[in-house]
Protein backbone atom coordinates (compact mmCIF):
# COMPACT_ATOMS: atom_id res chain seq x y z
CA MET A 1 -55.84 -15.32 111.04
CA ALA A 2 -53.03 -12.76 111.15
CA SER A 3 -52.52 -10.52 108.15
CA GLU A 4 -49.38 -10.92 106.06
CA ARG A 5 -46.28 -9.02 107.12
CA GLN A 6 -45.51 -5.95 105.00
CA VAL A 7 -42.00 -5.21 103.72
CA VAL A 8 -40.44 -2.05 102.25
CA CYS A 9 -38.78 -2.50 98.84
CA PHE A 10 -35.27 -1.03 98.90
CA GLY A 11 -35.62 0.00 95.25
CA CYS A 12 -38.86 1.98 95.01
CA VAL A 13 -39.55 2.24 98.77
CA GLY A 14 -43.01 0.80 98.18
CA VAL A 15 -44.68 -1.31 100.85
CA VAL A 16 -45.55 -4.80 99.60
CA PRO A 17 -46.73 -8.06 101.18
CA GLU A 18 -43.87 -10.35 102.20
CA SER A 19 -45.01 -12.98 99.69
CA ARG A 20 -44.37 -10.50 96.86
CA VAL A 21 -40.91 -9.35 97.91
CA ARG A 22 -37.59 -11.11 97.38
CA LEU A 23 -34.53 -11.06 99.62
CA ILE A 24 -31.42 -10.70 97.43
CA PRO A 25 -27.77 -9.69 97.80
CA PHE A 26 -26.81 -6.15 96.86
CA PHE A 27 -23.34 -4.62 97.22
CA ASN A 28 -23.23 -1.71 99.65
CA ASP A 29 -20.28 0.59 99.00
CA ASP A 30 -20.43 2.08 102.49
CA VAL A 31 -19.88 -1.24 104.28
CA GLN A 32 -17.96 -2.87 101.38
CA ARG A 33 -19.99 -6.10 101.38
CA TYR A 34 -23.20 -7.64 100.13
CA VAL A 35 -26.18 -6.85 102.30
CA ASP A 36 -29.70 -8.23 102.45
CA THR A 37 -32.07 -6.16 100.37
CA TYR A 38 -35.75 -6.61 99.72
CA ARG A 39 -37.03 -5.99 96.19
CA CYS A 40 -40.53 -5.98 94.78
CA GLU A 41 -41.29 -7.63 91.45
CA GLN A 42 -40.78 -4.36 89.57
CA CYS A 43 -37.37 -3.63 91.11
CA LEU A 44 -36.01 -7.19 91.19
CA GLU A 45 -34.53 -7.50 87.70
CA ALA A 46 -32.46 -4.29 87.80
CA ALA A 47 -31.02 -5.07 91.23
CA MET A 48 -30.22 -8.68 90.29
CA GLU A 49 -28.50 -7.50 87.10
CA GLN A 50 -26.28 -5.11 89.08
CA THR A 51 -25.28 -7.90 91.45
CA ARG A 52 -24.78 -10.40 88.63
CA SER A 53 -22.68 -7.95 86.58
CA ARG A 54 -20.45 -7.08 89.52
CA LEU A 55 -19.76 -10.75 90.22
CA ALA A 56 -19.36 -11.72 86.55
CA LEU A 57 -16.70 -9.06 85.97
CA THR A 58 -14.52 -9.69 89.01
CA GLU A 59 -11.35 -11.73 89.17
CA ASP A 60 -10.83 -10.72 92.80
CA ALA A 61 -11.01 -13.68 95.19
CA ALA A 62 -12.01 -11.35 98.04
CA ASP A 63 -15.02 -10.04 96.11
CA VAL A 64 -16.08 -13.59 95.22
CA GLY A 65 -15.68 -14.42 98.91
CA LEU A 66 -18.05 -11.58 99.84
CA THR A 67 -20.71 -13.12 97.62
CA ALA A 68 -20.15 -16.56 99.13
CA ALA A 69 -20.35 -15.01 102.62
CA PHE A 70 -23.77 -13.55 101.77
CA PHE A 71 -25.09 -17.00 100.88
CA GLU A 72 -23.50 -18.54 103.99
CA ARG A 73 -25.37 -16.06 106.19
CA HIS A 74 -28.51 -17.67 104.76
CA GLY A 75 -27.35 -21.24 105.30
CA ILE A 76 -26.20 -21.89 101.73
CA PHE A 77 -22.60 -23.06 101.71
CA ILE A 78 -20.55 -23.10 98.53
CA HIS A 79 -18.22 -26.01 99.18
CA GLU A 80 -15.94 -25.11 96.30
CA TYR A 81 -15.35 -21.71 97.92
CA ARG A 82 -14.67 -23.27 101.33
CA ARG A 83 -12.09 -25.68 99.94
CA GLY A 84 -10.32 -22.93 97.99
CA ASP A 85 -11.21 -23.76 94.40
CA PRO A 86 -10.13 -21.22 91.74
CA VAL A 87 -12.11 -17.99 91.36
CA PRO A 88 -13.64 -18.93 87.96
CA VAL A 89 -15.05 -22.17 89.40
CA VAL A 90 -16.54 -20.52 92.47
CA ARG A 91 -17.79 -17.52 90.48
CA SER A 92 -19.69 -19.78 88.06
CA ILE A 93 -21.42 -21.55 90.96
CA LEU A 94 -22.32 -18.24 92.57
CA LEU A 95 -23.66 -16.90 89.27
CA ALA A 96 -25.84 -20.01 88.97
CA SER A 97 -27.06 -19.42 92.54
CA LEU A 98 -27.92 -15.81 91.67
CA GLU A 99 -29.87 -17.05 88.64
CA ARG A 100 -31.81 -19.43 90.88
CA LEU A 101 -32.65 -16.46 93.14
CA ARG A 102 -33.69 -14.34 90.17
CA SER A 103 -35.90 -17.06 88.68
CA GLY A 104 -37.56 -17.88 91.99
CA GLN A 105 -36.19 -21.45 92.14
CA LEU A 106 -34.40 -20.36 95.32
CA ARG A 107 -36.03 -18.08 97.85
CA LEU A 108 -34.26 -16.74 100.89
CA VAL A 109 -36.32 -16.31 104.06
CA ILE A 110 -36.50 -12.90 105.64
CA GLY A 111 -36.73 -14.36 109.11
CA ALA A 112 -38.67 -13.69 112.24
CA THR A 113 -39.57 -10.23 113.43
CA ARG A 114 -37.76 -9.27 116.61
CA PRO A 115 -38.72 -6.54 119.04
CA LEU A 116 -36.54 -3.44 118.91
C-alpha cells in the first residue's frame, strides 16, 4: 500500500499528511484573487478568519465575484452569483460556504499529482 501524500502548510510551512490538511481560499494581494492554500489544523482557524472577515466586510461585487470564482474552480457553483443576485444575498451564501469549509462539512480535494 502506498504511503499518504504529504502536503506543506502555507501557514507554518510544516509538512503534514494530506488527510490532516485543508484546502481553503486565501486572498493573495500579488495576484489580486483568492488562491488555493493548504492549512494544517493549527493554522486553519486564523486563515479562515482572515478570509471570512475580508468577505464579510466587502460591498464590492467584484470582490464577492472573486470568492465565487474560487468555489467555481472547485466545481461549486453559486447560482445566485451567476444569475446576478444582489451582493448581500451572494455574500451570505459564500459566508455559509466558508463556514462549511471551516467546520469540515465541506472538504475541497487537492487533486492528482502531475509530473513537472
